[in-house]
């Protein structure tokens, strides 16, 4: 059983863009998949995405955007 509720993302050189962590979370009771986003960052700091409620991390990713 995965008890992890946190995913993180960090980009050492965002080239003027932004990035954020994405948590793909699964409810152990219902099997429902939910997505939770971290804060947008652009300065090499950690973006953190947390699973909410009874969900736990199924997988993780990073989203980027040009600004």
N, C-alpha and C. Protein backbone atom coordinates (compact mmCIF):
# COMPACT_ATOMS: atom_id res chain seq x y z
N UNK A 1 0.83 -1.18 0.00
CA UNK A 1 0.00 0.00 0.00
C UNK A 1 0.88 1.25 0.00
N UNK A 2 0.55 2.21 -0.83
CA UNK A 2 1.31 3.45 -0.93
C UNK A 2 0.68 4.50 -0.02
N UNK A 3 1.41 4.97 0.98
CA UNK A 3 0.90 6.00 1.89
C UNK A 3 1.38 7.39 1.51
N UNK A 4 2.06 7.52 0.39
CA UNK A 4 2.61 8.80 -0.02
C UNK A 4 1.51 9.75 -0.49
N UNK A 5 1.53 10.98 0.02
CA UNK A 5 0.54 11.98 -0.36
C UNK A 5 1.17 13.18 -1.06
N UNK A 6 2.49 13.16 -1.31
CA UNK A 6 3.21 14.32 -1.82
C UNK A 6 4.02 13.99 -3.06
N UNK A 7 3.97 14.88 -4.05
CA UNK A 7 4.89 14.83 -5.18
C UNK A 7 5.54 16.20 -5.29
N UNK A 8 6.74 16.24 -5.86
CA UNK A 8 7.46 17.51 -6.00
C UNK A 8 8.07 17.61 -7.40
N UNK A 9 8.31 18.85 -7.82
CA UNK A 9 8.99 19.10 -9.09
C UNK A 9 9.92 20.30 -8.91
N UNK A 10 11.08 20.23 -9.55
CA UNK A 10 12.03 21.34 -9.49
C UNK A 10 12.75 21.41 -10.83
N UNK A 11 12.85 22.60 -11.37
CA UNK A 11 13.53 22.80 -12.64
C UNK A 11 14.70 23.75 -12.39
N UNK A 12 15.91 23.30 -12.65
CA UNK A 12 17.08 24.13 -12.35
C UNK A 12 17.24 25.31 -13.32
N UNK A 13 16.64 25.21 -14.50
CA UNK A 13 16.70 26.32 -15.45
C UNK A 13 15.40 26.36 -16.24
N UNK A 14 14.48 27.22 -15.81
CA UNK A 14 13.15 27.28 -16.43
C UNK A 14 13.15 28.10 -17.72
N UNK A 15 14.28 28.70 -18.09
CA UNK A 15 14.40 29.47 -19.34
C UNK A 15 13.28 30.51 -19.48
N UNK A 16 12.91 31.13 -18.37
CA UNK A 16 11.88 32.16 -18.42
C UNK A 16 10.46 31.65 -18.36
N UNK A 17 10.28 30.33 -18.34
CA UNK A 17 8.94 29.74 -18.26
C UNK A 17 8.57 29.40 -16.83
N UNK A 18 7.50 28.66 -16.68
CA UNK A 18 7.03 28.23 -15.36
C UNK A 18 6.79 26.72 -15.37
N UNK A 19 6.81 26.12 -14.19
CA UNK A 19 6.58 24.69 -14.03
C UNK A 19 5.83 24.46 -12.72
N UNK A 20 5.14 23.31 -12.64
CA UNK A 20 4.50 22.91 -11.39
C UNK A 20 4.39 21.39 -11.33
N UNK A 21 4.34 20.89 -10.11
CA UNK A 21 4.17 19.46 -9.87
C UNK A 21 2.72 19.07 -10.08
N UNK A 22 2.51 17.85 -10.57
CA UNK A 22 1.17 17.27 -10.73
C UNK A 22 1.15 15.95 -9.96
N UNK A 23 0.17 15.79 -9.10
CA UNK A 23 -0.02 14.52 -8.38
C UNK A 23 -1.22 13.81 -8.96
N UNK A 24 -1.03 12.59 -9.42
CA UNK A 24 -2.13 11.74 -9.89
C UNK A 24 -2.43 10.81 -8.72
N UNK A 25 -3.61 11.00 -8.12
CA UNK A 25 -3.93 10.34 -6.86
C UNK A 25 -5.09 9.37 -7.02
N UNK A 26 -5.01 8.26 -6.28
CA UNK A 26 -6.03 7.22 -6.36
C UNK A 26 -6.64 6.98 -4.99
N UNK A 27 -7.96 6.91 -4.95
CA UNK A 27 -8.68 6.58 -3.72
C UNK A 27 -8.65 5.06 -3.57
N UNK A 28 -8.10 4.58 -2.46
CA UNK A 28 -7.95 3.13 -2.25
C UNK A 28 -9.29 2.42 -2.14
N UNK A 29 -10.32 3.10 -1.66
CA UNK A 29 -11.63 2.47 -1.48
C UNK A 29 -12.43 2.40 -2.77
N UNK A 30 -12.44 3.50 -3.55
CA UNK A 30 -13.28 3.57 -4.74
C UNK A 30 -12.52 3.35 -6.04
N UNK A 31 -11.20 3.50 -6.01
CA UNK A 31 -10.40 3.39 -7.22
C UNK A 31 -10.42 4.65 -8.08
N UNK A 32 -11.14 5.68 -7.62
CA UNK A 32 -11.25 6.93 -8.37
C UNK A 32 -9.90 7.64 -8.45
N UNK A 33 -9.59 8.15 -9.65
CA UNK A 33 -8.35 8.89 -9.89
C UNK A 33 -8.66 10.39 -9.86
N UNK A 34 -7.84 11.15 -9.14
CA UNK A 34 -7.98 12.60 -9.07
C UNK A 34 -6.63 13.25 -9.30
N UNK A 35 -6.65 14.46 -9.85
CA UNK A 35 -5.42 15.20 -10.12
C UNK A 35 -5.34 16.42 -9.22
N UNK A 36 -4.17 16.65 -8.65
CA UNK A 36 -3.93 17.83 -7.81
C UNK A 36 -2.65 18.51 -8.29
N UNK A 37 -2.69 19.84 -8.36
CA UNK A 37 -1.59 20.63 -8.90
C UNK A 37 -0.84 21.35 -7.80
N UNK A 38 0.46 21.52 -8.00
CA UNK A 38 1.27 22.35 -7.12
C UNK A 38 1.25 23.79 -7.59
N UNK A 39 1.94 24.66 -6.87
CA UNK A 39 2.05 26.06 -7.24
C UNK A 39 2.98 26.23 -8.44
N UNK A 40 2.68 27.21 -9.29
CA UNK A 40 3.56 27.54 -10.40
C UNK A 40 4.85 28.15 -9.85
N UNK A 41 5.99 27.72 -10.38
CA UNK A 41 7.31 28.23 -9.99
C UNK A 41 8.11 28.58 -11.24
N UNK A 42 9.12 29.43 -11.07
CA UNK A 42 10.01 29.75 -12.20
C UNK A 42 11.43 30.02 -11.74
N UNK A 43 11.72 29.80 -10.47
CA UNK A 43 13.00 30.21 -9.92
C UNK A 43 13.86 29.08 -9.36
N UNK A 44 13.60 27.87 -9.74
CA UNK A 44 14.39 26.74 -9.27
C UNK A 44 13.98 26.22 -7.91
N UNK A 45 12.86 26.71 -7.37
CA UNK A 45 12.38 26.21 -6.07
C UNK A 45 11.41 25.04 -6.29
N UNK A 46 11.10 24.33 -5.23
CA UNK A 46 10.24 23.15 -5.31
C UNK A 46 8.78 23.54 -5.46
N UNK A 47 8.10 22.90 -6.38
CA UNK A 47 6.64 22.95 -6.47
C UNK A 47 6.15 21.66 -5.85
N UNK A 48 5.17 21.75 -4.95
CA UNK A 48 4.68 20.57 -4.23
C UNK A 48 3.20 20.37 -4.51
N UNK A 49 2.81 19.15 -4.85
CA UNK A 49 1.41 18.80 -5.07
C UNK A 49 1.04 17.70 -4.08
N UNK A 50 -0.05 17.91 -3.36
CA UNK A 50 -0.49 16.99 -2.31
C UNK A 50 -1.79 16.30 -2.70
N UNK A 51 -1.87 15.00 -2.48
CA UNK A 51 -3.12 14.28 -2.61
C UNK A 51 -4.02 14.67 -1.44
N UNK A 52 -5.30 14.81 -1.71
CA UNK A 52 -6.25 15.25 -0.69
C UNK A 52 -7.11 14.09 -0.22
N UNK A 53 -7.66 14.25 0.98
CA UNK A 53 -8.57 13.25 1.52
C UNK A 53 -7.92 11.88 1.67
N UNK A 54 -8.62 10.84 1.26
CA UNK A 54 -8.12 9.47 1.41
C UNK A 54 -7.33 9.00 0.19
N UNK A 55 -7.03 9.91 -0.76
CA UNK A 55 -6.27 9.51 -1.95
C UNK A 55 -4.78 9.43 -1.64
N UNK A 56 -4.09 8.62 -2.43
CA UNK A 56 -2.64 8.45 -2.33
C UNK A 56 -2.03 8.55 -3.73
N UNK A 57 -0.75 8.90 -3.79
CA UNK A 57 -0.07 9.08 -5.07
C UNK A 57 -0.06 7.79 -5.87
N UNK A 58 -0.57 7.87 -7.09
CA UNK A 58 -0.51 6.77 -8.06
C UNK A 58 0.70 6.99 -8.97
N UNK A 59 0.86 8.24 -9.43
CA UNK A 59 2.00 8.63 -10.25
C UNK A 59 2.15 10.14 -10.16
N UNK A 60 3.20 10.66 -10.76
CA UNK A 60 3.49 12.09 -10.66
C UNK A 60 4.00 12.62 -11.99
N UNK A 61 3.88 13.93 -12.15
CA UNK A 61 4.37 14.53 -13.37
C UNK A 61 4.70 16.00 -13.15
N UNK A 62 5.07 16.66 -14.24
CA UNK A 62 5.38 18.08 -14.20
C UNK A 62 4.69 18.73 -15.38
N UNK A 63 4.13 19.91 -15.16
CA UNK A 63 3.48 20.68 -16.21
C UNK A 63 4.29 21.95 -16.43
N UNK A 64 4.47 22.36 -17.67
CA UNK A 64 5.21 23.58 -17.97
C UNK A 64 4.35 24.53 -18.80
N UNK A 65 4.71 25.81 -18.74
CA UNK A 65 4.05 26.79 -19.58
C UNK A 65 5.04 27.89 -19.92
N UNK A 66 4.86 28.47 -21.10
CA UNK A 66 5.68 29.58 -21.54
C UNK A 66 5.03 30.86 -21.05
N UNK A 67 5.83 31.75 -20.51
CA UNK A 67 5.28 33.02 -20.02
C UNK A 67 5.90 34.20 -20.71
